[in-house]
Amino acid sequence: MFRTMEDFKNGWEAESKFTQSIFDALTDESLSQSINGDHRTIGRIAWHICETITEMIPHIGLKFEKIVPPVPTEAKVIAAKYAELSKSLLAQTADWTDKNFLKKMTSTARFGKKVQHC
């Protein structure tokens, strides 16, 4: 668990940069590949990551317009959406203090509720 806003920001920036590099490397052809015939495609997994930001992060008080399927068929669309969401998260938390951050994480977060994954 993050204890300071700086820790959160540094962690988000590092993980987001890594994730963005993977999304930027996707091709339109790679989106339809699956690890196994009965598993999600690479495109579905990538889009799910974007969807999850818009589903889970609002529980701590941030505003995101929920995105839903269908999965885009162009890799650049998924990469651009992830970049947009990541930047929005940082922008929306730019003025949070450590006290504000911890309060939101402990009192607003309701991650214990049932979440349906598709």
PDB file of N, CA and C in Angstrom:
ATOM      1  N   MET A   1       0.836  -1.170   0.000  1.00  0.00           N
ATOM      2  CA  MET A   1       0.000   0.000   0.000  1.00  0.00           C
ATOM      3  C   MET A   1       0.888   1.243   0.000  1.00  0.00           C
ATOM      4  N   PHE A   2       0.482   2.217  -0.731  1.00  0.00           N
ATOM      5  CA  PHE A   2       1.207   3.480  -0.765  1.00  0.00           C
ATOM      6  C   PHE A   2       0.905   4.267   0.506  1.00  0.00           C
ATOM      7  N   ARG A   3       1.919   4.931   1.022  1.00  0.00           N
ATOM      8  CA  ARG A   3       1.752   5.706   2.249  1.00  0.00           C
ATOM      9  C   ARG A   3       1.826   7.211   1.998  1.00  0.00           C
ATOM     10  N   THR A   4       2.404   7.608   0.866  1.00  0.00           N
ATOM     11  CA  THR A   4       2.492   9.037   0.548  1.00  0.00           C
ATOM     12  C   THR A   4       2.056   9.262  -0.895  1.00  0.00           C
ATOM     13  N   MET A   5       1.685  10.474  -1.167  1.00  0.00           N
ATOM     14  CA  MET A   5       1.289  10.841  -2.519  1.00  0.00           C
ATOM     15  C   MET A   5       2.473  10.704  -3.468  1.00  0.00           C
ATOM     16  N   GLU A   6       3.656  11.056  -2.991  1.00  0.00           N
ATOM     17  CA  GLU A   6       4.853  10.930  -3.827  1.00  0.00           C
ATOM     18  C   GLU A   6       5.105   9.465  -4.185  1.00  0.00           C
ATOM     19  N   ASP A   7       4.955   8.565  -3.217  1.00  0.00           N
ATOM     20  CA  ASP A   7       5.119   7.133  -3.502  1.00  0.00           C
ATOM     21  C   ASP A   7       4.121   6.670  -4.558  1.00  0.00           C
ATOM     22  N   PHE A   8       2.875   7.106  -4.403  1.00  0.00           N
ATOM     23  CA  PHE A   8       1.852   6.730  -5.372  1.00  0.00           C
ATOM     24  C   PHE A   8       2.200   7.260  -6.757  1.00  0.00           C
ATOM     25  N   LYS A   9       2.529   8.546  -6.821  1.00  0.00           N
ATOM     26  CA  LYS A   9       2.850   9.170  -8.108  1.00  0.00           C
ATOM     27  C   LYS A   9       4.033   8.472  -8.766  1.00  0.00           C
ATOM     28  N   ASN A  10       5.097   8.236  -8.008  1.00  0.00           N
ATOM     29  CA  ASN A  10       6.274   7.564  -8.568  1.00  0.00           C
ATOM     30  C   ASN A  10       5.941   6.154  -9.038  1.00  0.00           C
ATOM     31  N   GLY A  11       5.158   5.441  -8.244  1.00  0.00           N
ATOM     32  CA  GLY A  11       4.760   4.088  -8.625  1.00  0.00           C
ATOM     33  C   GLY A  11       3.888   4.082  -9.864  1.00  0.00           C
ATOM     34  N   TRP A  12       2.902   4.993  -9.898  1.00  0.00           N
ATOM     35  CA  TRP A  12       2.011   5.057 -11.062  1.00  0.00           C
ATOM     36  C   TRP A  12       2.794   5.420 -12.322  1.00  0.00           C
ATOM     37  N   GLU A  13       3.662   6.418 -12.213  1.00  0.00           N
ATOM     38  CA  GLU A  13       4.431   6.842 -13.387  1.00  0.00           C
ATOM     39  C   GLU A  13       5.307   5.718 -13.923  1.00  0.00           C
ATOM     40  N   ALA A  14       5.969   4.979 -13.045  1.00  0.00           N
ATOM     41  CA  ALA A  14       6.839   3.876 -13.480  1.00  0.00           C
ATOM     42  C   ALA A  14       6.029   2.763 -14.131  1.00  0.00           C
ATOM     43  N   GLU A  15       4.963   2.335 -13.477  1.00  0.00           N
ATOM     44  CA  GLU A  15       4.143   1.252 -14.023  1.00  0.00           C
ATOM     45  C   GLU A  15       3.428   1.678 -15.301  1.00  0.00           C
ATOM     46  N   SER A  16       2.952   2.913 -15.317  1.00  0.00           N
ATOM     47  CA  SER A  16       2.261   3.417 -16.492  1.00  0.00           C
ATOM     48  C   SER A  16       3.204   3.514 -17.692  1.00  0.00           C
ATOM     49  N   LYS A  17       4.421   3.959 -17.450  1.00  0.00           N
ATOM     50  CA  LYS A  17       5.413   4.048 -18.525  1.00  0.00           C
ATOM     51  C   LYS A  17       5.692   2.663 -19.108  1.00  0.00           C
ATOM     52  N   PHE A  18       5.838   1.681 -18.234  1.00  0.00           N
ATOM     53  CA  PHE A  18       6.083   0.308 -18.683  1.00  0.00           C
ATOM     54  C   PHE A  18       4.884  -0.225 -19.478  1.00  0.00           C
ATOM     55  N   THR A  19       3.693  -0.029 -18.932  1.00  0.00           N
ATOM     56  CA  THR A  19       2.480  -0.489 -19.620  1.00  0.00           C
ATOM     57  C   THR A  19       2.320   0.209 -20.957  1.00  0.00           C
ATOM     58  N   GLN A  20       2.571   1.507 -20.988  1.00  0.00           N
ATOM     59  CA  GLN A  20       2.453   2.259 -22.243  1.00  0.00           C
ATOM     60  C   GLN A  20       3.429   1.735 -23.282  1.00  0.00           C
ATOM     61  N   SER A  21       4.627   1.369 -22.877  1.00  0.00           N
ATOM     62  CA  SER A  21       5.604   0.846 -23.837  1.00  0.00           C
ATOM     63  C   SER A  21       5.126  -0.469 -24.450  1.00  0.00           C
ATOM     64  N   ILE A  22       4.451  -1.274 -23.658  1.00  0.00           N
ATOM     65  CA  ILE A  22       3.894  -2.522 -24.191  1.00  0.00           C
ATOM     66  C   ILE A  22       2.744  -2.214 -25.144  1.00  0.00           C
ATOM     67  N   PHE A  23       1.852  -1.326 -24.746  1.00  0.00           N
ATOM     68  CA  PHE A  23       0.719  -0.965 -25.599  1.00  0.00           C
ATOM     69  C   PHE A  23       1.200  -0.345 -26.910  1.00  0.00           C
ATOM     70  N   ASP A  24       2.251   0.466 -26.845  1.00  0.00           N
ATOM     71  CA  ASP A  24       2.787   1.093 -28.055  1.00  0.00           C
ATOM     72  C   ASP A  24       3.403   0.070 -29.003  1.00  0.00           C
ATOM     73  N   ALA A  25       3.826  -1.063 -28.465  1.00  0.00           N
ATOM     74  CA  ALA A  25       4.434  -2.105 -29.294  1.00  0.00           C
ATOM     75  C   ALA A  25       3.396  -3.029 -29.938  1.00  0.00           C
ATOM     76  N   LEU A  26       2.162  -2.957 -29.502  1.00  0.00           N
ATOM     77  CA  LEU A  26       1.120  -3.803 -30.100  1.00  0.00           C
ATOM     78  C   LEU A  26       0.871  -3.400 -31.549  1.00  0.00           C
ATOM     79  N   THR A  27       0.499  -4.382 -32.324  1.00  0.00           N
ATOM     80  CA  THR A  27       0.104  -4.140 -33.712  1.00  0.00           C
ATOM     81  C   THR A  27      -1.360  -4.516 -33.869  1.00  0.00           C
ATOM     82  N   ASP A  28      -1.970  -4.045 -34.928  1.00  0.00           N
ATOM     83  CA  ASP A  28      -3.361  -4.417 -35.178  1.00  0.00           C
ATOM     84  C   ASP A  28      -3.498  -5.938 -35.267  1.00  0.00           C
ATOM     85  N   GLU A  29      -2.514  -6.588 -35.868  1.00  0.00           N
ATOM     86  CA  GLU A  29      -2.561  -8.047 -36.017  1.00  0.00           C
ATOM     87  C   GLU A  29      -2.425  -8.758 -34.671  1.00  0.00           C
ATOM     88  N   SER A  30      -1.613  -8.200 -33.778  1.00  0.00           N
ATOM     89  CA  SER A  30      -1.390  -8.865 -32.491  1.00  0.00           C
ATOM     90  C   SER A  30      -2.627  -8.844 -31.605  1.00  0.00           C
ATOM     91  N   LEU A  31      -3.524  -7.890 -31.828  1.00  0.00           N
ATOM     92  CA  LEU A  31      -4.704  -7.779 -30.968  1.00  0.00           C
ATOM     93  C   LEU A  31      -5.584  -9.020 -30.989  1.00  0.00           C
ATOM     94  N   SER A  32      -5.575  -9.748 -32.088  1.00  0.00           N
ATOM     95  CA  SER A  32      -6.451 -10.929 -32.195  1.00  0.00           C
ATOM     96  C   SER A  32      -5.793 -12.215 -31.694  1.00  0.00           C
ATOM     97  N   GLN A  33      -4.545 -12.145 -31.280  1.00  0.00           N
ATOM     98  CA  GLN A  33      -3.855 -13.333 -30.774  1.00  0.00           C
ATOM     99  C   GLN A  33      -4.307 -13.644 -29.358  1.00  0.00           C
ATOM    100  N   SER A  34      -4.442 -14.933 -29.074  1.00  0.00           N
ATOM    101  CA  SER A  34      -4.705 -15.337 -27.691  1.00  0.00           C
ATOM    102  C   SER A  34      -3.629 -16.321 -27.264  1.00  0.00           C
ATOM    103  N   ILE A  35      -3.405 -16.374 -25.982  1.00  0.00           N
ATOM    104  CA  ILE A  35      -2.387 -17.274 -25.452  1.00  0.00           C
ATOM    105  C   ILE A  35      -2.817 -18.719 -25.654  1.00  0.00           C
ATOM    106  N   ASN A  36      -4.106 -18.941 -25.534  1.00  0.00           N
ATOM    107  CA  ASN A  36      -4.693 -20.261 -25.663  1.00  0.00           C
ATOM    108  C   ASN A  36      -6.063 -20.044 -26.299  1.00  0.00           C
ATOM    109  N   GLY A  37      -6.538 -20.996 -27.028  1.00  0.00           N
ATOM    110  CA  GLY A  37      -7.788 -20.845 -27.758  1.00  0.00           C
ATOM    111  C   GLY A  37      -8.974 -20.388 -26.931  1.00  0.00           C
ATOM    112  N   ASP A  38      -9.016 -20.741 -25.656  1.00  0.00           N
ATOM    113  CA  ASP A  38     -10.179 -20.388 -24.843  1.00  0.00           C
ATOM    114  C   ASP A  38      -9.892 -19.249 -23.859  1.00  0.00           C
ATOM    115  N   HIS A  39      -8.888 -18.437 -24.160  1.00  0.00           N
ATOM    116  CA  HIS A  39      -8.547 -17.310 -23.308  1.00  0.00           C
ATOM    117  C   HIS A  39      -8.741 -15.987 -24.055  1.00  0.00           C
ATOM    118  N   ARG A  40      -8.683 -14.901 -23.323  1.00  0.00           N
ATOM    119  CA  ARG A  40      -8.817 -13.574 -23.919  1.00  0.00           C
ATOM    120  C   ARG A  40      -7.710 -13.319 -24.939  1.00  0.00           C
ATOM    121  N   THR A  41      -8.031 -12.490 -25.905  1.00  0.00           N
ATOM    122  CA  THR A  41      -7.017 -12.072 -26.873  1.00  0.00           C
ATOM    123  C   THR A  41      -6.151 -10.976 -26.247  1.00  0.00           C
ATOM    124  N   ILE A  42      -5.030 -10.704 -26.884  1.00  0.00           N
ATOM    125  CA  ILE A  42      -4.165  -9.624 -26.410  1.00  0.00           C
ATOM    126  C   ILE A  42      -4.930  -8.304 -26.427  1.00  0.00           C
ATOM    127  N   GLY A  43      -5.710  -8.079 -27.472  1.00  0.00           N
ATOM    128  CA  GLY A  43      -6.503  -6.854 -27.551  1.00  0.00           C
ATOM    129  C   GLY A  43      -7.499  -6.749 -26.417  1.00  0.00           C
ATOM    130  N   ARG A  44      -8.151  -7.862 -26.085  1.00  0.00           N
ATOM    131  CA  ARG A  44      -9.139  -7.865 -24.996  1.00  0.00           C
ATOM    132  C   ARG A  44      -8.470  -7.587 -23.654  1.00  0.00           C
ATOM    133  N   ILE A  45      -7.287  -8.155 -23.448  1.00  0.00           N
ATOM    134  CA  ILE A  45      -6.557  -7.926 -22.198  1.00  0.00           C
ATOM    135  C   ILE A  45      -6.151  -6.452 -22.089  1.00  0.00           C
ATOM    136  N   ALA A  46      -5.619  -5.905 -23.178  1.00  0.00           N
ATOM    137  CA  ALA A  46      -5.199  -4.495 -23.170  1.00  0.00           C
ATOM    138  C   ALA A  46      -6.394  -3.575 -22.910  1.00  0.00           C
ATOM    139  N   TRP A  47      -7.508  -3.850 -23.583  1.00  0.00           N
ATOM    140  CA  TRP A  47      -8.696  -3.011 -23.398  1.00  0.00           C
ATOM    141  C   TRP A  47      -9.248  -3.161 -21.983  1.00  0.00           C
ATOM    142  N   HIS A  48      -9.143  -4.358 -21.436  1.00  0.00           N
ATOM    143  CA  HIS A  48      -9.598  -4.606 -20.069  1.00  0.00           C
ATOM    144  C   HIS A  48      -8.825  -3.742 -19.067  1.00  0.00           C
ATOM    145  N   ILE A  49      -7.544  -3.552 -19.304  1.00  0.00           N
ATOM    146  CA  ILE A  49      -6.747  -2.692 -18.429  1.00  0.00           C
ATOM    147  C   ILE A  49      -7.302  -1.273 -18.472  1.00  0.00           C
ATOM    148  N   CYS A  50      -7.616  -0.791 -19.659  1.00  0.00           N
ATOM    149  CA  CYS A  50      -8.222   0.545 -19.788  1.00  0.00           C
ATOM    150  C   CYS A  50      -9.580   0.597 -19.092  1.00  0.00           C
ATOM    151  N   GLU A  51     -10.398  -0.406 -19.328  1.00  0.00           N
ATOM    152  CA  GLU A  51     -11.724  -0.453 -18.702  1.00  0.00           C
ATOM    153  C   GLU A  51     -11.619  -0.434 -17.186  1.00  0.00           C
ATOM    154  N   THR A  52     -10.654  -1.164 -16.657  1.00  0.00           N
ATOM    155  CA  THR A  52     -10.504  -1.276 -15.211  1.00  0.00           C
ATOM    156  C   THR A  52     -10.204   0.072 -14.576  1.00  0.00           C
ATOM    157  N   ILE A  53      -9.417   0.894 -15.240  1.00  0.00           N
ATOM    158  CA  ILE A  53      -9.152   2.233 -14.706  1.00  0.00           C
ATOM    159  C   ILE A  53     -10.467   2.989 -14.564  1.00  0.00           C
ATOM    160  N   THR A  54     -11.327   2.915 -15.574  1.00  0.00           N
ATOM    161  CA  THR A  54     -12.584   3.670 -15.535  1.00  0.00           C
ATOM    162  C   THR A  54     -13.613   3.046 -14.603  1.00  0.00           C
ATOM    163  N   GLU A  55     -13.420   1.796 -14.225  1.00  0.00           N
ATOM    164  CA  GLU A  55     -14.355   1.132 -13.307  1.00  0.00           C
ATOM    165  C   GLU A  55     -13.923   1.245 -11.852  1.00  0.00           C
ATOM    166  N   MET A  56     -12.632   1.089 -11.583  1.00  0.00           N
ATOM    167  CA  MET A  56     -12.169   1.000 -10.202  1.00  0.00           C
ATOM    168  C   MET A  56     -11.716   2.335  -9.614  1.00  0.00           C
ATOM    169  N   ILE A  57     -11.031   3.136 -10.383  1.00  0.00           N
ATOM    170  CA  ILE A  57     -10.479   4.381  -9.850  1.00  0.00           C
ATOM    171  C   ILE A  57     -11.563   5.361  -9.389  1.00  0.00           C
ATOM    172  N   PRO A  58     -12.736   5.404 -10.012  1.00  0.00           N
ATOM    173  CA  PRO A  58     -13.773   6.295  -9.481  1.00  0.00           C
ATOM    174  C   PRO A  58     -14.163   6.001  -8.019  1.00  0.00           C
ATOM    175  N   HIS A  59     -13.844   4.823  -7.515  1.00  0.00           N
ATOM    176  CA  HIS A  59     -14.151   4.500  -6.125  1.00  0.00           C
ATOM    177  C   HIS A  59     -13.350   5.350  -5.146  1.00  0.00           C
ATOM    178  N   ILE A  60     -12.286   6.000  -5.613  1.00  0.00           N
ATOM    179  CA  ILE A  60     -11.534   6.898  -4.733  1.00  0.00           C
ATOM    180  C   ILE A  60     -11.826   8.356  -5.070  1.00  0.00           C
ATOM    181  N   GLY A  61     -12.899   8.577  -5.812  1.00  0.00           N
ATOM    182  CA  GLY A  61     -13.371   9.926  -6.038  1.00  0.00           C
ATOM    183  C   GLY A  61     -12.929  10.603  -7.323  1.00  0.00           C
ATOM    184  N   LEU A  62     -12.233   9.903  -8.189  1.00  0.00           N
ATOM    185  CA  LEU A  62     -11.812  10.502  -9.454  1.00  0.00           C
ATOM    186  C   LEU A  62     -12.891  10.294 -10.508  1.00  0.00           C
ATOM    187  N   LYS A  63     -12.897  11.149 -11.502  1.00  0.00           N
ATOM    188  CA  LYS A  63     -13.930  11.120 -12.537  1.00  0.00           C
ATOM    189  C   LYS A  63     -13.378  10.540 -13.844  1.00  0.00           C
ATOM    190  N   PHE A  64     -13.984   9.461 -14.278  1.00  0.00           N
ATOM    191  CA  PHE A  64     -13.661   8.852 -15.564  1.00  0.00           C
ATOM    192  C   PHE A  64     -14.951   8.428 -16.236  1.00  0.00           C
ATOM    193  N   GLU A  65     -15.030   8.667 -17.513  1.00  0.00           N
ATOM    194  CA  GLU A  65     -16.165   8.161 -18.276  1.00  0.00           C
ATOM    195  C   GLU A  65     -15.911   6.688 -18.543  1.00  0.00           C
ATOM    196  N   LYS A  66     -16.854   5.856 -18.126  1.00  0.00           N
ATOM    197  CA  LYS A  66     -16.689   4.414 -18.274  1.00  0.00           C
ATOM    198  C   LYS A  66     -16.603   4.026 -19.746  1.00  0.00           C
ATOM    199  N   ILE A  67     -15.635   3.184 -20.047  1.00  0.00           N
ATOM    200  CA  ILE A  67     -15.524   2.661 -21.409  1.00  0.00           C
ATOM    201  C   ILE A  67     -15.965   1.211 -21.403  1.00  0.00           C
ATOM    202  N   VAL A  68     -16.501   0.779 -22.498  1.00  0.00           N
ATOM    203  CA  VAL A  68     -17.065  -0.568 -22.591  1.00  0.00           C
ATOM    204  C   VAL A  68     -16.647  -1.206 -23.916  1.00  0.00           C
ATOM    205  N   PRO A  69     -16.858  -2.524 -24.024  1.00  0.00           N
ATOM    206  CA  PRO A  69     -16.609  -3.164 -25.308  1.00  0.00           C
ATOM    207  C   PRO A  69     -17.470  -2.524 -26.379  1.00  0.00           C
ATOM    208  N   PRO A  70     -17.180  -2.667 -27.630  1.00  0.00           N
ATOM    209  CA  PRO A  70     -16.245  -3.651 -28.174  1.00  0.00           C
ATOM    210  C   PRO A  70     -14.791  -3.200 -28.087  1.00  0.00           C
ATOM    211  N   VAL A  71     -13.930  -4.181 -28.147  1.00  0.00           N
ATOM    212  CA  VAL A  71     -12.500  -3.932 -28.161  1.00  0.00           C
ATOM    213  C   VAL A  71     -12.128  -3.285 -29.491  1.00  0.00           C
ATOM    214  N   PRO A  72     -11.387  -2.180 -29.459  1.00  0.00           N
ATOM    215  CA  PRO A  72     -10.956  -1.569 -30.722  1.00  0.00           C
ATOM    216  C   PRO A  72     -10.114  -2.545 -31.556  1.00  0.00           C
ATOM    217  N   THR A  73     -10.173  -2.376 -32.849  1.00  0.00           N
ATOM    218  CA  THR A  73      -9.398  -3.249 -33.748  1.00  0.00           C
ATOM    219  C   THR A  73      -8.070  -2.617 -34.142  1.00  0.00           C
ATOM    220  N   GLU A  74      -7.834  -1.384 -33.699  1.00  0.00           N
ATOM    221  CA  GLU A  74      -6.576  -0.703 -33.994  1.00  0.00           C
ATOM    222  C   GLU A  74      -5.776  -0.537 -32.703  1.00  0.00           C
ATOM    223  N   ALA A  75      -4.552  -1.027 -32.725  1.00  0.00           N
ATOM    224  CA  ALA A  75      -3.697  -0.973 -31.542  1.00  0.00           C
ATOM    225  C   ALA A  75      -3.448   0.461 -31.097  1.00  0.00           C
ATOM    226  N   LYS A  76      -3.323   1.365 -32.035  1.00  0.00           N
ATOM    227  CA  LYS A  76      -3.036   2.757 -31.673  1.00  0.00           C
ATOM    228  C   LYS A  76      -4.190   3.380 -30.876  1.00  0.00           C
ATOM    229  N   VAL A  77      -5.406   2.906 -31.087  1.00  0.00           N
ATOM    230  CA  VAL A  77      -6.563   3.417 -30.340  1.00  0.00           C
ATOM    231  C   VAL A  77      -6.462   2.998 -28.872  1.00  0.00           C
ATOM    232  N   ILE A  78      -6.083   1.760 -28.641  1.00  0.00           N
ATOM    233  CA  ILE A  78      -5.943   1.271 -27.264  1.00  0.00           C
ATOM    234  C   ILE A  78      -4.788   1.994 -26.575  1.00  0.00           C
ATOM    235  N   ALA A  79      -3.661   2.131 -27.262  1.00  0.00           N
ATOM    236  CA  ALA A  79      -2.498   2.812 -26.688  1.00  0.00           C
ATOM    237  C   ALA A  79      -2.828   4.262 -26.356  1.00  0.00           C
ATOM    238  N   ALA A  80      -3.542   4.931 -27.229  1.00  0.00           N
ATOM    239  CA  ALA A  80      -3.911   6.331 -26.994  1.00  0.00           C
ATOM    240  C   ALA A  80      -4.877   6.457 -25.823  1.00  0.00           C
ATOM    241  N   LYS A  81      -5.828   5.541 -25.715  1.00  0.00           N
ATOM    242  CA  LYS A  81      -6.786   5.587 -24.608  1.00  0.00           C
ATOM    243  C   LYS A  81      -6.074   5.364 -23.282  1.00  0.00           C
ATOM    244  N   TYR A  82      -5.144   4.419 -23.231  1.00  0.00           N
ATOM    245  CA  TYR A  82      -4.398   4.187 -21.995  1.00  0.00           C
ATOM    246  C   TYR A  82      -3.605   5.434 -21.609  1.00  0.00           C
ATOM    247  N   ALA A  83      -2.940   6.051 -22.573  1.00  0.00           N
ATOM    248  CA  ALA A  83      -2.173   7.275 -22.299  1.00  0.00           C
ATOM    249  C   ALA A  83      -3.077   8.371 -21.747  1.00  0.00           C
ATOM    250  N   GLU A  84      -4.235   8.528 -22.338  1.00  0.00           N
ATOM    251  CA  GLU A  84      -5.204   9.535 -21.891  1.00  0.00           C
ATOM    252  C   GLU A  84      -5.645   9.275 -20.458  1.00  0.00           C
ATOM    253  N   LEU A  85      -5.985   8.027 -20.151  1.00  0.00           N
ATOM    254  CA  LEU A  85      -6.451   7.678 -18.808  1.00  0.00           C
ATOM    255  C   LEU A  85      -5.357   7.867 -17.767  1.00  0.00           C
ATOM    256  N   SER A  86      -4.151   7.451 -18.104  1.00  0.00           N
ATOM    257  CA  SER A  86      -3.038   7.568 -17.174  1.00  0.00           C
ATOM    258  C   SER A  86      -2.738   9.031 -16.858  1.00  0.00           C
ATOM    259  N   LYS A  87      -2.703   9.857 -17.888  1.00  0.00           N
ATOM    260  CA  LYS A  87      -2.452  11.293 -17.679  1.00  0.00           C
ATOM    261  C   LYS A  87      -3.590  11.932 -16.880  1.00  0.00           C
ATOM    262  N   SER A  88      -4.809  11.525 -17.132  1.00  0.00           N
ATOM    263  CA  SER A  88      -5.954  12.067 -16.406  1.00  0.00           C
ATOM    264  C   SER A  88      -5.878  11.722 -14.927  1.00  0.00           C
ATOM    265  N   LEU A  89      -5.492  10.507 -14.623  1.00  0.00           N
ATOM    266  CA  LEU A  89      -5.367  10.104 -13.225  1.00  0.00           C
ATOM    267  C   LEU A  89      -4.352  10.982 -12.508  1.00  0.00           C
ATOM    268  N   LEU A  90      -3.201  11.200 -13.118  1.00  0.00           N
ATOM    269  CA  LEU A  90      -2.182  12.044 -12.489  1.00  0.00           C
ATOM    270  C   LEU A  90      -2.645  13.488 -12.361  1.00  0.00           C
ATOM    271  N   ALA A  91      -3.312  13.991 -13.373  1.00  0.00           N
ATOM    272  CA  ALA A  91      -3.805  15.368 -13.326  1.00  0.00           C
ATOM    273  C   ALA A  91      -4.850  15.545 -12.224  1.00  0.00           C
ATOM    274  N   GLN A  92      -5.730  14.556 -12.086  1.00  0.00           N
ATOM    275  CA  GLN A  92      -6.790  14.661 -11.076  1.00  0.00           C
ATOM    276  C   GLN A  92      -6.270  14.541  -9.647  1.00  0.00           C
ATOM    277  N   THR A  93      -5.092  13.955  -9.474  1.00  0.00           N
ATOM    278  CA  THR A  93      -4.528  13.796  -8.131  1.00  0.00           C
ATOM    279  C   THR A  93      -3.385  14.773  -7.864  1.00  0.00           C
ATOM    280  N   ALA A  94      -3.115  15.678  -8.783  1.00  0.00           N
ATOM    281  CA  ALA A  94      -1.960  16.584  -8.667  1.00  0.00           C
ATOM    282  C   ALA A  94      -1.989  17.428  -7.394  1.00  0.00           C
ATOM    283  N   ASP A  95      -3.171  17.799  -6.927  1.00  0.00           N
ATOM    284  CA  ASP A  95      -3.247  18.656  -5.742  1.00  0.00           C
ATOM    285  C   ASP A  95      -3.525  17.880  -4.451  1.00  0.00           C
ATOM    286  N   TRP A  96      -3.504  16.567  -4.513  1.00  0.00           N
ATOM    287  CA  TRP A  96      -3.739  15.778  -3.312  1.00  0.00           C
ATOM    288  C   TRP A  96      -2.529  15.855  -2.378  1.00  0.00           C
ATOM    289  N   THR A  97      -2.794  15.981  -1.105  1.00  0.00           N
ATOM    290  CA  THR A  97      -1.754  15.926  -0.075  1.00  0.00           C
ATOM    291  C   THR A  97      -1.669  14.490   0.435  1.00  0.00           C
ATOM    292  N   ASP A  98      -0.644  14.205   1.211  1.00  0.00           N
ATOM    293  CA  ASP A  98      -0.534  12.863   1.796  1.00  0.00           C
ATOM    294  C   ASP A  98      -1.756  12.543   2.642  1.00  0.00           C
ATOM    295  N   LYS A  99      -2.201  13.516   3.442  1.00  0.00           N
ATOM    296  CA  LYS A  99      -3.362  13.301   4.319  1.00  0.00           C
ATOM    297  C   LYS A  99      -4.614  13.032   3.472  1.00  0.00           C
ATOM    298  N   ASN A 100      -4.821  13.843   2.454  1.00  0.00           N
ATOM    299  CA  ASN A 100      -5.958  13.692   1.561  1.00  0.00           C
ATOM    300  C   ASN A 100      -5.913  12.331   0.857  1.00  0.00           C
ATOM    301  N   PHE A 101      -4.738  11.954   0.398  1.00  0.00           N
ATOM    302  CA  PHE A 101      -4.551  10.677  -0.303  1.00  0.00           C
ATOM    303  C   PHE A 101      -4.914   9.503   0.600  1.00  0.00           C
ATOM    304  N   LEU A 102      -4.361   9.486   1.808  1.00  0.00           N
ATOM    305  CA  LEU A 102      -4.636   8.379   2.723  1.00  0.00           C
ATOM    306  C   LEU A 102      -6.098   8.323   3.119  1.00  0.00           C
ATOM    307  N   LYS A 103      -6.719   9.485   3.300  1.00  0.00           N
ATOM    308  CA  LYS A 103      -8.138   9.508   3.654  1.00  0.00           C
ATOM    309  C   LYS A 103      -8.968   8.903   2.520  1.00  0.00           C
ATOM    310  N   LYS A 104      -8.684   9.304   1.293  1.00  0.00           N
ATOM    311  CA  LYS A 104      -9.433   8.770   0.158  1.00  0.00           C
ATOM    312  C   LYS A 104      -9.218   7.272   0.010  1.00  0.00           C
ATOM    313  N   MET A 105      -7.996   6.823   0.209  1.00  0.00           N
ATOM    314  CA  MET A 105      -7.686   5.409   0.041  1.00  0.00           C
ATOM    315  C   MET A 105      -8.321   4.545   1.120  1.00  0.00           C
ATOM    316  N   THR A 106      -8.508   5.081   2.313  1.00  0.00           N
ATOM    317  CA  THR A 106      -9.062   4.267   3.395  1.00  0.00           C
ATOM    318  C   THR A 106     -10.561   4.432   3.591  1.00  0.00           C
ATOM    319  N   SER A 107     -11.100   5.629   3.302  1.00  0.00           N
ATOM    320  CA  SER A 107     -12.522   5.830   3.572  1.00  0.00           C
ATOM    321  C   SER A 107     -13.411   5.770   2.337  1.00  0.00           C
ATOM    322  N   THR A 108     -12.873   6.080   1.184  1.00  0.00           N
ATOM    323  CA  THR A 108     -13.698   6.111  -0.023  1.00  0.00           C
ATOM    324  C   THR A 108     -13.630   4.813  -0.796  1.00  0.00           C
ATOM    325  N   ALA A 109     -12.485   4.157  -0.760  1.00  0.00           N
ATOM    326  CA  ALA A 109     -12.305   2.942  -1.561  1.00  0.00           C
ATOM    327  C   ALA A 109     -13.254   1.853  -1.084  1.00  0.00           C
ATOM    328  N   ARG A 110     -13.936   1.248  -2.037  1.00  0.00           N
ATOM    329  CA  ARG A 110     -14.868   0.162  -1.742  1.00  0.00           C
ATOM    330  C   ARG A 110     -14.522  -1.036  -2.618  1.00  0.00           C
ATOM    331  N   PHE A 111     -13.269  -1.420  -2.599  1.00  0.00           N
ATOM    332  CA  PHE A 111     -12.827  -2.481  -3.506  1.00  0.00           C
ATOM    333  C   PHE A 111     -13.320  -3.854  -3.076  1.00  0.00           C
ATOM    334  N   GLY A 112     -13.953  -3.940  -1.909  1.00  0.00           N
ATOM    335  CA  GLY A 112     -14.444  -5.221  -1.448  1.00  0.00           C
ATOM    336  C   GLY A 112     -15.735  -5.636  -2.123  1.00  0.00           C
ATOM    337  N   LYS A 113     -16.352  -4.729  -2.879  1.00  0.00           N
ATOM    338  CA  LYS A 113     -17.610  -5.114  -3.514  1.00  0.00           C
ATOM    339  C   LYS A 113     -17.345  -6.035  -4.692  1.00  0.00           C
ATOM    340  N   LYS A 114     -18.332  -6.808  -5.031  1.00  0.00           N
ATOM    341  CA  LYS A 114     -18.187  -7.780  -6.109  1.00  0.00           C
ATOM    342  C   LYS A 114     -17.970  -7.055  -7.443  1.00  0.00           C
ATOM    343  N   VAL A 115     -16.943  -7.492  -8.159  1.00  0.00           N
ATOM    344  CA  VAL A 115     -16.636  -6.923  -9.467  1.00  0.00           C
ATOM    345  C   VAL A 115     -16.731  -8.041 -10.501  1.00  0.00           C
ATOM    346  N   GLN A 116     -17.476  -7.804 -11.528  1.00  0.00           N
ATOM    347  CA  GLN A 116     -17.647  -8.819 -12.570  1.00  0.00           C
ATOM    348  C   GLN A 116     -16.586  -8.617 -13.651  1.00  0.00           C
ATOM    349  N   HIS A 117     -15.825  -9.652 -13.933  1.00  0.00           N
ATOM    350  CA  HIS A 117     -14.834  -9.595 -15.002  1.00  0.00           C
ATOM    351  C   HIS A 117     -15.384 -10.376 -16.196  1.00  0.00           C
ATOM    352  N   CYS A 118     -15.211  -9.800 -17.382  1.00  0.00           N
ATOM    353  CA  CYS A 118     -15.666 -10.512 -18.573  1.00  0.00           C
ATOM    354  C   CYS A 118     -14.514 -11.082 -19.341  1.00  0.00           C
TER     355      CYS A 118
END
